[in-house]
Amino acid sequence: MPIEKACRKCRAVTRESKCPVCGSDDLSVNWSGMIIILDVEKSEVAKMIGTKVPGRYAINVI
């Protein structure tokens, strides 16, 4: 099973080798905490982290 990685640019969590949200290949296996955004228009957290795409996001990426 592939290891989940977090994008250092937008913090999206993925198992791919490239970020599905911003397209970056700068991914890290050193991340902690997770936020799941279901509805970006109603979510205050989505506004705080600056995302416009629903998905899973890391809270801290090293």
Protein backbone atom coordinates (compact mmCIF):
# COMPACT_ATOMS: atom_id res chain seq x y z
CA MET A 1 0.00 0.00 0.00
CA PRO A 2 1.45 3.41 -0.97
CA ILE A 3 2.44 5.85 1.76
CA GLU A 4 0.32 8.98 2.10
CA LYS A 5 2.24 12.20 1.46
CA ALA A 6 1.34 15.86 1.94
CA CYS A 7 2.05 18.63 -0.54
CA ARG A 8 4.38 21.29 0.85
CA LYS A 9 2.64 24.01 -1.21
CA CYS A 10 -1.09 23.43 -0.56
CA ARG A 11 -0.98 20.69 2.14
CA ALA A 12 -3.22 18.27 0.20
CA VAL A 13 -2.78 14.63 1.29
CA THR A 14 -2.33 12.09 -1.50
CA ARG A 15 -0.90 8.68 -2.38
CA GLU A 16 0.13 9.89 -5.84
CA SER A 17 3.60 11.14 -6.86
CA LYS A 18 2.13 14.53 -7.84
CA CYS A 19 -0.32 16.73 -5.96
CA PRO A 20 -3.86 16.43 -7.38
CA VAL A 21 -4.78 19.95 -6.20
CA CYS A 22 -1.87 22.19 -7.28
CA GLY A 23 0.22 19.85 -9.44
CA SER A 24 3.39 20.20 -7.36
CA ASP A 25 5.78 17.28 -6.96
CA ASP A 26 7.20 18.67 -3.69
CA LEU A 27 5.59 16.10 -1.36
CA SER A 28 6.58 15.08 2.16
CA VAL A 29 5.99 11.95 4.22
CA ASN A 30 6.58 14.07 7.35
CA TRP A 31 3.20 15.56 8.13
CA SER A 32 0.72 15.47 11.00
CA GLY A 33 -2.97 16.02 11.59
CA MET A 34 -5.67 15.99 8.94
CA ILE A 35 -8.53 18.24 7.92
CA ILE A 36 -11.25 16.90 5.63
CA ILE A 37 -13.03 19.57 3.60
CA LEU A 38 -16.37 18.49 2.11
CA ASP A 39 -17.96 21.80 1.08
CA VAL A 40 -15.48 24.61 0.39
CA GLU A 41 -18.17 27.27 0.06
CA LYS A 42 -19.59 26.69 3.55
CA SER A 43 -16.36 25.78 5.33
CA GLU A 44 -14.63 28.43 7.43
CA VAL A 45 -11.61 26.12 7.71
CA ALA A 46 -11.32 25.96 3.91
CA LYS A 47 -11.24 29.74 3.83
CA MET A 48 -8.59 29.81 6.57
CA ILE A 49 -6.25 27.45 4.73
CA GLY A 50 -7.05 29.03 1.37
CA THR A 51 -8.34 26.04 -0.56
CA LYS A 52 -11.04 25.95 -3.20
CA VAL A 53 -10.96 22.15 -3.70
CA PRO A 54 -12.64 19.60 -1.40
CA GLY A 55 -10.34 16.91 -0.04
CA ARG A 56 -7.96 15.89 2.71
CA TYR A 57 -5.35 18.39 3.95
CA ALA A 58 -2.49 18.10 6.42
CA ILE A 59 -2.38 20.49 9.36
CA ASN A 60 1.42 20.49 9.62
CA VAL A 61 3.89 19.58 6.85
CA ILE A 62 7.63 19.38 7.46
